[in-house]
All heavy atoms as atom14 arrays in JSON, in Angstrom:
{
  "sequence": "FIKKSMFEENGGFIEIEENPLTIAIVTPIMKRAHSYSF",
  "atom14_mask": [
    [1, 1, 1, 1, 1, 1, 1, 1, 1, 1, 1, 0, 0, 0],
    [1, 1, 1, 1, 1, 1, 1, 1, 0, 0, 0, 0, 0, 0],
    [1, 1, 1, 1, 1, 1, 1, 1, 1, 0, 0, 0, 0, 0],
    [1, 1, 1, 1, 1, 1, 1, 1, 1, 0, 0, 0, 0, 0],
    [1, 1, 1, 1, 1, 1, 0, 0, 0, 0, 0, 0, 0, 0],
    [1, 1, 1, 1, 1, 1, 1, 1, 0, 0, 0, 0, 0, 0],
    [1, 1, 1, 1, 1, 1, 1, 1, 1, 1, 1, 0, 0, 0],
    [1, 1, 1, 1, 1, 1, 1, 1, 1, 0, 0, 0, 0, 0],
    [1, 1, 1, 1, 1, 1, 1, 1, 1, 0, 0, 0, 0, 0],
    [1, 1, 1, 1, 1, 1, 1, 1, 0, 0, 0, 0, 0, 0],
    [1, 1, 1, 1, 0, 0, 0, 0, 0, 0, 0, 0, 0, 0],
    [1, 1, 1, 1, 0, 0, 0, 0, 0, 0, 0, 0, 0, 0],
    [1, 1, 1, 1, 1, 1, 1, 1, 1, 1, 1, 0, 0, 0],
    [1, 1, 1, 1, 1, 1, 1, 1, 0, 0, 0, 0, 0, 0],
    [1, 1, 1, 1, 1, 1, 1, 1, 1, 0, 0, 0, 0, 0],
    [1, 1, 1, 1, 1, 1, 1, 1, 0, 0, 0, 0, 0, 0],
    [1, 1, 1, 1, 1, 1, 1, 1, 1, 0, 0, 0, 0, 0],
    [1, 1, 1, 1, 1, 1, 1, 1, 1, 0, 0, 0, 0, 0],
    [1, 1, 1, 1, 1, 1, 1, 1, 0, 0, 0, 0, 0, 0],
    [1, 1, 1, 1, 1, 1, 1, 0, 0, 0, 0, 0, 0, 0],
    [1, 1, 1, 1, 1, 1, 1, 1, 0, 0, 0, 0, 0, 0],
    [1, 1, 1, 1, 1, 1, 1, 0, 0, 0, 0, 0, 0, 0],
    [1, 1, 1, 1, 1, 1, 1, 1, 0, 0, 0, 0, 0, 0],
    [1, 1, 1, 1, 1, 0, 0, 0, 0, 0, 0, 0, 0, 0],
    [1, 1, 1, 1, 1, 1, 1, 1, 0, 0, 0, 0, 0, 0],
    [1, 1, 1, 1, 1, 1, 1, 0, 0, 0, 0, 0, 0, 0],
    [1, 1, 1, 1, 1, 1, 1, 0, 0, 0, 0, 0, 0, 0],
    [1, 1, 1, 1, 1, 1, 1, 0, 0, 0, 0, 0, 0, 0],
    [1, 1, 1, 1, 1, 1, 1, 1, 0, 0, 0, 0, 0, 0],
    [1, 1, 1, 1, 1, 1, 1, 1, 0, 0, 0, 0, 0, 0],
    [1, 1, 1, 1, 1, 1, 1, 1, 1, 0, 0, 0, 0, 0],
    [1, 1, 1, 1, 1, 1, 1, 1, 1, 1, 1, 0, 0, 0],
    [1, 1, 1, 1, 1, 0, 0, 0, 0, 0, 0, 0, 0, 0],
    [1, 1, 1, 1, 1, 1, 1, 1, 1, 1, 0, 0, 0, 0],
    [1, 1, 1, 1, 1, 1, 0, 0, 0, 0, 0, 0, 0, 0],
    [1, 1, 1, 1, 1, 1, 1, 1, 1, 1, 1, 1, 0, 0],
    [1, 1, 1, 1, 1, 1, 0, 0, 0, 0, 0, 0, 0, 0],
    [1, 1, 1, 1, 1, 1, 1, 1, 1, 1, 1, 0, 0, 0]
  ],
  "atom14_positions": [
    [[-25.15, 4.6, -1.04], [-24.29, 4.56, 0.15], [-24.33, 3.18, 0.81], [-23.32, 2.67, 1.28], [-24.72, 5.64, 1.14], [-24.4, 7.03, 0.7], [-25.37, 7.84, 0.12], [-23.12, 7.55, 0.85], [-25.08, 9.12, -0.29], [-22.82, 8.83, 0.44], [-23.8, 9.63, -0.14], [0.0, 0.0, 0.0], [0.0, 0.0, 0.0], [0.0, 0.0, 0.0]],
    [[-25.53, 2.58, 0.89], [-25.67, 1.27, 1.52], [-24.94, 0.21, 0.68], [-24.34, -0.72, 1.21], [-27.16, 0.9, 1.67], [-27.84, 1.91, 2.62], [-27.33, -0.52, 2.19], [-29.34, 1.73, 2.74], [0.0, 0.0, 0.0], [0.0, 0.0, 0.0], [0.0, 0.0, 0.0], [0.0, 0.0, 0.0], [0.0, 0.0, 0.0], [0.0, 0.0, 0.0]],
    [[-24.99, 0.36, -0.65], [-24.36, -0.6, -1.53], [-22.83, -0.43, -1.58], [-22.11, -1.34, -2.0], [-24.92, -0.46, -2.95], [-26.39, -0.84, -3.07], [-26.89, -0.59, -4.47], [-28.33, -1.04, -4.62], [-28.47, -2.5, -4.56], [0.0, 0.0, 0.0], [0.0, 0.0, 0.0], [0.0, 0.0, 0.0], [0.0, 0.0, 0.0], [0.0, 0.0, 0.0]],
    [[-22.34, 0.73, -1.16], [-20.91, 1.05, -1.31], [-20.01, -0.02, -0.69], [-19.11, -0.55, -1.34], [-20.63, 2.41, -0.69], [-19.21, 2.92, -0.88], [-19.08, 4.33, -0.31], [-17.74, 4.96, -0.63], [-16.62, 4.27, 0.03], [0.0, 0.0, 0.0], [0.0, 0.0, 0.0], [0.0, 0.0, 0.0], [0.0, 0.0, 0.0], [0.0, 0.0, 0.0]],
    [[-20.24, -0.36, 0.58], [-19.38, -1.32, 1.26], [-19.49, -2.7, 0.63], [-18.49, -3.43, 0.54], [-19.75, -1.39, 2.74], [-21.11, -1.77, 2.9], [0.0, 0.0, 0.0], [0.0, 0.0, 0.0], [0.0, 0.0, 0.0], [0.0, 0.0, 0.0], [0.0, 0.0, 0.0], [0.0, 0.0, 0.0], [0.0, 0.0, 0.0], [0.0, 0.0, 0.0]],
    [[-20.69, -3.06, 0.15], [-20.89, -4.37, -0.47], [-20.07, -4.51, -1.74], [-19.41, -5.54, -1.96], [-22.37, -4.58, -0.77], [-22.7, -5.92, -1.41], [-24.46, -6.13, -1.71], [-24.76, -4.85, -2.94], [0.0, 0.0, 0.0], [0.0, 0.0, 0.0], [0.0, 0.0, 0.0], [0.0, 0.0, 0.0], [0.0, 0.0, 0.0], [0.0, 0.0, 0.0]],
    [[-20.09, -3.48, -2.58], [-19.34, -3.54, -3.83], [-17.84, -3.48, -3.58], [-17.05, -4.12, -4.28], [-19.77, -2.4, -4.76], [-21.15, -2.59, -5.32], [-22.08, -1.56, -5.26], [-21.53, -3.78, -5.9], [-23.36, -1.72, -5.78], [-22.8, -3.96, -6.42], [-23.73, -2.92, -6.36], [0.0, 0.0, 0.0], [0.0, 0.0, 0.0], [0.0, 0.0, 0.0]],
    [[-17.4, -2.71, -2.58], [-15.98, -2.62, -2.27], [-15.45, -3.95, -1.73], [-14.3, -4.31, -1.97], [-15.73, -1.49, -1.27], [-15.89, -0.11, -1.9], [-15.67, 1.02, -0.92], [-15.71, 0.76, 0.31], [-15.45, 2.16, -1.37], [0.0, 0.0, 0.0], [0.0, 0.0, 0.0], [0.0, 0.0, 0.0], [0.0, 0.0, 0.0], [0.0, 0.0, 0.0]],
    [[-16.28, -4.7, -1.01], [-15.88, -6.02, -0.52], [-15.65, -7.0, -1.67], [-14.86, -7.93, -1.56], [-16.96, -6.59, 0.42], [-17.01, -5.92, 1.78], [-18.18, -6.42, 2.62], [-18.9, -7.33, 2.14], [-18.37, -5.9, 3.72], [0.0, 0.0, 0.0], [0.0, 0.0, 0.0], [0.0, 0.0, 0.0], [0.0, 0.0, 0.0], [0.0, 0.0, 0.0]],
    [[-16.33, -6.76, -2.8], [-16.18, -7.62, -3.97], [-15.05, -7.19, -4.89], [-14.9, -7.73, -6.0], [-17.49, -7.65, -4.77], [-18.59, -8.38, -4.01], [-18.32, -9.32, -3.27], [-19.83, -7.94, -4.19], [0.0, 0.0, 0.0], [0.0, 0.0, 0.0], [0.0, 0.0, 0.0], [0.0, 0.0, 0.0], [0.0, 0.0, 0.0], [0.0, 0.0, 0.0]],
    [[-14.27, -6.2, -4.46], [-13.08, -5.81, -5.22], [-13.22, -4.56, -6.06], [-12.29, -4.2, -6.79], [0.0, 0.0, 0.0], [0.0, 0.0, 0.0], [0.0, 0.0, 0.0], [0.0, 0.0, 0.0], [0.0, 0.0, 0.0], [0.0, 0.0, 0.0], [0.0, 0.0, 0.0], [0.0, 0.0, 0.0], [0.0, 0.0, 0.0], [0.0, 0.0, 0.0]],
    [[-14.35, -3.88, -6.02], [-14.53, -2.66, -6.79], [-14.26, -1.42, -5.97], [-14.03, -1.48, -4.76], [0.0, 0.0, 0.0], [0.0, 0.0, 0.0], [0.0, 0.0, 0.0], [0.0, 0.0, 0.0], [0.0, 0.0, 0.0], [0.0, 0.0, 0.0], [0.0, 0.0, 0.0], [0.0, 0.0, 0.0], [0.0, 0.0, 0.0], [0.0, 0.0, 0.0]],
    [[-14.28, -0.27, -6.62], [-14.16, 1.03, -5.97], [-15.42, 1.83, -6.26], [-15.95, 1.77, -7.38], [-12.95, 1.82, -6.48], [-11.62, 1.19, -6.2], [-10.56, 1.36, -7.09], [-11.41, 0.44, -5.07], [-9.34, 0.79, -6.85], [-10.19, -0.14, -4.8], [-9.15, 0.03, -5.69], [0.0, 0.0, 0.0], [0.0, 0.0, 0.0], [0.0, 0.0, 0.0]],
    [[-15.88, 2.58, -5.3], [-17.0, 3.49, -5.55], [-16.88, 4.7, -4.63], [-16.58, 4.57, -3.44], [-18.36, 2.77, -5.35], [-19.53, 3.72, -5.65], [-18.48, 2.17, -3.97], [-20.88, 3.02, -5.74], [0.0, 0.0, 0.0], [0.0, 0.0, 0.0], [0.0, 0.0, 0.0], [0.0, 0.0, 0.0], [0.0, 0.0, 0.0], [0.0, 0.0, 0.0]],
    [[-17.03, 5.87, -5.21], [-17.0, 7.13, -4.44], [-18.29, 7.88, -4.73], [-18.77, 7.92, -5.87], [-15.81, 7.99, -4.84], [-14.45, 7.44, -4.43], [-14.2, 7.55, -2.92], [-14.9, 8.36, -2.28], [-13.32, 6.83, -2.42], [0.0, 0.0, 0.0], [0.0, 0.0, 0.0], [0.0, 0.0, 0.0], [0.0, 0.0, 0.0], [0.0, 0.0, 0.0]],
    [[-18.87, 8.48, -3.69], [-20.17, 9.15, -3.81], [-20.11, 10.53, -3.17], [-19.56, 10.69, -2.08], [-21.29, 8.32, -3.14], [-21.32, 6.9, -3.71], [-22.65, 8.99, -3.33], [-22.23, 5.95, -2.96], [0.0, 0.0, 0.0], [0.0, 0.0, 0.0], [0.0, 0.0, 0.0], [0.0, 0.0, 0.0], [0.0, 0.0, 0.0], [0.0, 0.0, 0.0]],
    [[-20.66, 11.5, -3.85], [-20.84, 12.85, -3.3], [-22.29, 13.25, -3.49], [-22.94, 12.86, -4.46], [-19.92, 13.86, -3.99], [-18.46, 13.74, -3.59], [-17.61, 14.86, -4.21], [-18.19, 15.71, -4.94], [-16.4, 14.88, -3.96], [0.0, 0.0, 0.0], [0.0, 0.0, 0.0], [0.0, 0.0, 0.0], [0.0, 0.0, 0.0], [0.0, 0.0, 0.0]],
    [[-22.81, 14.05, -2.58], [-24.18, 14.54, -2.67], [-24.21, 16.02, -3.01], [-23.23, 16.73, -2.84], [-24.92, 14.29, -1.35], [-25.19, 12.82, -1.07], [-26.07, 12.62, 0.15], [-25.56, 12.9, 1.25], [-27.23, 12.19, -0.01], [0.0, 0.0, 0.0], [0.0, 0.0, 0.0], [0.0, 0.0, 0.0], [0.0, 0.0, 0.0], [0.0, 0.0, 0.0]],
    [[-25.39, 16.48, -3.44], [-25.65, 17.91, -3.69], [-24.62, 18.59, -4.6], [-23.82, 19.39, -4.15], [-25.73, 18.65, -2.35], [-26.82, 18.13, -1.46], [-27.91, 17.8, -1.92], [-26.53, 18.04, -0.16], [0.0, 0.0, 0.0], [0.0, 0.0, 0.0], [0.0, 0.0, 0.0], [0.0, 0.0, 0.0], [0.0, 0.0, 0.0], [0.0, 0.0, 0.0]],
    [[-24.67, 18.29, -5.88], [-25.52, 17.33, -6.56], [-24.92, 15.92, -6.5], [-23.72, 15.76, -6.3], [-25.53, 17.83, -8.01], [-24.2, 18.48, -8.16], [-23.88, 19.1, -6.84], [0.0, 0.0, 0.0], [0.0, 0.0, 0.0], [0.0, 0.0, 0.0], [0.0, 0.0, 0.0], [0.0, 0.0, 0.0], [0.0, 0.0, 0.0], [0.0, 0.0, 0.0]],
    [[-25.78, 14.92, -6.67], [-25.35, 13.55, -6.58], [-24.36, 13.22, -7.7], [-24.65, 13.4, -8.88], [-26.55, 12.6, -6.65], [-26.22, 11.1, -6.56], [-25.63, 10.77, -5.19], [-27.47, 10.26, -6.81], [0.0, 0.0, 0.0], [0.0, 0.0, 0.0], [0.0, 0.0, 0.0], [0.0, 0.0, 0.0], [0.0, 0.0, 0.0], [0.0, 0.0, 0.0]],
    [[-23.19, 12.73, -7.31], [-22.15, 12.33, -8.26], [-21.55, 11.01, -7.77], [-21.21, 10.89, -6.59], [-21.04, 13.4, -8.35], [-21.63, 14.67, -8.63], [-20.05, 13.05, -9.45], [0.0, 0.0, 0.0], [0.0, 0.0, 0.0], [0.0, 0.0, 0.0], [0.0, 0.0, 0.0], [0.0, 0.0, 0.0], [0.0, 0.0, 0.0], [0.0, 0.0, 0.0]],
    [[-21.44, 10.04, -8.66], [-20.95, 8.72, -8.29], [-19.86, 8.31, -9.28], [-20.04, 8.4, -10.49], [-22.08, 7.67, -8.31], [-23.25, 8.12, -7.43], [-21.56, 6.3, -7.84], [-24.49, 7.24, -7.58], [0.0, 0.0, 0.0], [0.0, 0.0, 0.0], [0.0, 0.0, 0.0], [0.0, 0.0, 0.0], [0.0, 0.0, 0.0], [0.0, 0.0, 0.0]],
    [[-18.72, 7.88, -8.74], [-17.63, 7.32, -9.56], [-17.54, 5.83, -9.28], [-17.52, 5.42, -8.11], [-16.32, 8.0, -9.25], [0.0, 0.0, 0.0], [0.0, 0.0, 0.0], [0.0, 0.0, 0.0], [0.0, 0.0, 0.0], [0.0, 0.0, 0.0], [0.0, 0.0, 0.0], [0.0, 0.0, 0.0], [0.0, 0.0, 0.0], [0.0, 0.0, 0.0]],
    [[-17.5, 5.01, -10.33], [-17.55, 3.56, -10.2], [-16.37, 2.94, -10.94], [-16.1, 3.26, -12.1], [-18.86, 3.0, -10.78], [-20.07, 3.6, -10.05], [-18.89, 1.48, -10.72], [-21.38, 3.37, -10.78], [0.0, 0.0, 0.0], [0.0, 0.0, 0.0], [0.0, 0.0, 0.0], [0.0, 0.0, 0.0], [0.0, 0.0, 0.0], [0.0, 0.0, 0.0]],
    [[-15.68, 2.03, -10.25], [-14.62, 1.23, -10.86], [-14.87, -0.22, -10.45], [-14.69, -0.59, -9.29], [-13.21, 1.67, -10.4], [-12.15, 0.77, -11.03], [-12.96, 3.12, -10.77], [0.0, 0.0, 0.0], [0.0, 0.0, 0.0], [0.0, 0.0, 0.0], [0.0, 0.0, 0.0], [0.0, 0.0, 0.0], [0.0, 0.0, 0.0], [0.0, 0.0, 0.0]],
    [[-15.34, -1.04, -11.38], [-15.62, -2.44, -11.09], [-14.3, -3.22, -11.07], [-13.26, -2.71, -11.49], [-16.56, -3.03, -12.16], [-15.86, -3.08, -13.41], [-17.81, -2.19, -12.32], [0.0, 0.0, 0.0], [0.0, 0.0, 0.0], [0.0, 0.0, 0.0], [0.0, 0.0, 0.0], [0.0, 0.0, 0.0], [0.0, 0.0, 0.0], [0.0, 0.0, 0.0]],
    [[-14.31, -4.48, -10.61], [-13.07, -5.27, -10.61], [-12.39, -5.37, -11.97], [-11.16, -5.28, -12.06], [-13.55, -6.64, -10.12], [-14.7, -6.34, -9.23], [-15.41, -5.18, -9.89], [0.0, 0.0, 0.0], [0.0, 0.0, 0.0], [0.0, 0.0, 0.0], [0.0, 0.0, 0.0], [0.0, 0.0, 0.0], [0.0, 0.0, 0.0], [0.0, 0.0, 0.0]],
    [[-13.16, -5.56, -13.06], [-12.54, -5.63, -14.39], [-11.91, -4.29, -14.75], [-10.81, -4.23, -15.3], [-13.58, -6.06, -15.44], [-13.86, -7.56, -15.32], [-13.1, -5.74, -16.86], [-14.88, -8.09, -16.31], [0.0, 0.0, 0.0], [0.0, 0.0, 0.0], [0.0, 0.0, 0.0], [0.0, 0.0, 0.0], [0.0, 0.0, 0.0], [0.0, 0.0, 0.0]],
    [[-12.6, -3.19, -14.46], [-12.05, -1.86, -14.73], [-10.77, -1.64, -13.94], [-9.78, -1.09, -14.44], [-13.07, -0.78, -14.38], [-14.35, -0.83, -15.18], [-15.56, 0.39, -14.58], [-17.03, -0.12, -15.44], [0.0, 0.0, 0.0], [0.0, 0.0, 0.0], [0.0, 0.0, 0.0], [0.0, 0.0, 0.0], [0.0, 0.0, 0.0], [0.0, 0.0, 0.0]],
    [[-10.78, -2.06, -12.68], [-9.61, -1.92, -11.8], [-8.41, -2.67, -12.39], [-7.3, -2.13, -12.47], [-9.97, -2.45, -10.42], [-8.84, -2.41, -9.4], [-9.32, -3.01, -8.09], [-8.21, -3.12, -7.07], [-8.69, -3.73, -5.8], [0.0, 0.0, 0.0], [0.0, 0.0, 0.0], [0.0, 0.0, 0.0], [0.0, 0.0, 0.0], [0.0, 0.0, 0.0]],
    [[-8.62, -3.92, -12.82], [-7.53, -4.71, -13.38], [-7.06, -4.16, -14.72], [-5.9, -4.29, -15.08], [-7.95, -6.17, -13.51], [-8.01, -6.92, -12.17], [-8.23, -8.41, -12.38], [-9.59, -8.7, -12.8], [-10.6, -8.92, -11.96], [-10.41, -8.85, -10.65], [-11.81, -9.2, -12.41], [0.0, 0.0, 0.0], [0.0, 0.0, 0.0], [0.0, 0.0, 0.0]],
    [[-8.0, -3.56, -15.48], [-7.63, -3.01, -16.79], [-6.58, -1.91, -16.67], [-5.76, -1.71, -17.57], [-8.87, -2.47, -17.51], [0.0, 0.0, 0.0], [0.0, 0.0, 0.0], [0.0, 0.0, 0.0], [0.0, 0.0, 0.0], [0.0, 0.0, 0.0], [0.0, 0.0, 0.0], [0.0, 0.0, 0.0], [0.0, 0.0, 0.0], [0.0, 0.0, 0.0]],
    [[-6.59, -1.18, -15.54], [-5.62, -0.12, -15.34], [-4.21, -0.65, -15.1], [-3.25, 0.12, -15.12], [-6.04, 0.77, -14.16], [-7.13, 1.74, -14.51], [-6.87, 3.0, -15.02], [-8.48, 1.64, -14.44], [-8.01, 3.63, -15.23], [-9.0, 2.82, -14.9], [0.0, 0.0, 0.0], [0.0, 0.0, 0.0], [0.0, 0.0, 0.0], [0.0, 0.0, 0.0]],
    [[-4.08, -1.95, -14.89], [-2.75, -2.54, -14.7], [-2.13, -2.99, -16.02], [-1.03, -3.53, -16.02], [-2.83, -3.73, -13.73], [-3.61, -4.78, -14.29], [0.0, 0.0, 0.0], [0.0, 0.0, 0.0], [0.0, 0.0, 0.0], [0.0, 0.0, 0.0], [0.0, 0.0, 0.0], [0.0, 0.0, 0.0], [0.0, 0.0, 0.0], [0.0, 0.0, 0.0]],
    [[-2.83, -2.75, -17.15], [-2.32, -3.12, -18.47], [-1.97, -1.85, -19.25], [-2.64, -0.82, -19.13], [-3.34, -3.96, -19.22], [-3.56, -5.31, -18.57], [-4.55, -5.5, -17.62], [-2.73, -6.38, -18.88], [-4.74, -6.73, -17.0], [-2.9, -7.62, -18.27], [-3.91, -7.79, -17.33], [-4.08, -9.0, -16.71], [0.0, 0.0, 0.0], [0.0, 0.0, 0.0]],
    [[-0.93, -1.96, -20.07], [-0.34, -0.77, -20.7], [-1.28, -0.03, -21.64], [-1.12, 1.17, -21.85], [0.94, -1.17, -21.46], [0.66, -2.14, -22.44], [0.0, 0.0, 0.0], [0.0, 0.0, 0.0], [0.0, 0.0, 0.0], [0.0, 0.0, 0.0], [0.0, 0.0, 0.0], [0.0, 0.0, 0.0], [0.0, 0.0, 0.0], [0.0, 0.0, 0.0]],
    [[-2.29, -0.73, -22.23], [-3.18, -0.04, -23.16], [-3.95, 1.09, -22.48], [-4.4, 2.03, -23.14], [-4.15, -1.02, -23.83], [-5.2, -1.59, -22.93], [-6.36, -0.88, -22.63], [-5.05, -2.86, -22.37], [-7.34, -1.41, -21.79], [-6.02, -3.4, -21.55], [-7.16, -2.67, -21.25], [0.0, 0.0, 0.0], [0.0, 0.0, 0.0], [0.0, 0.0, 0.0]]
  ]
}
């Protein structure tokens, strides 16, 4: 949770849920990859 805002400021996405702990991560390269047709 503390790291969430830091990574989002660098251009990534992160979503977190608790009980049970589940984290979805999209880094800047992953984010840009979704803009390509492959």
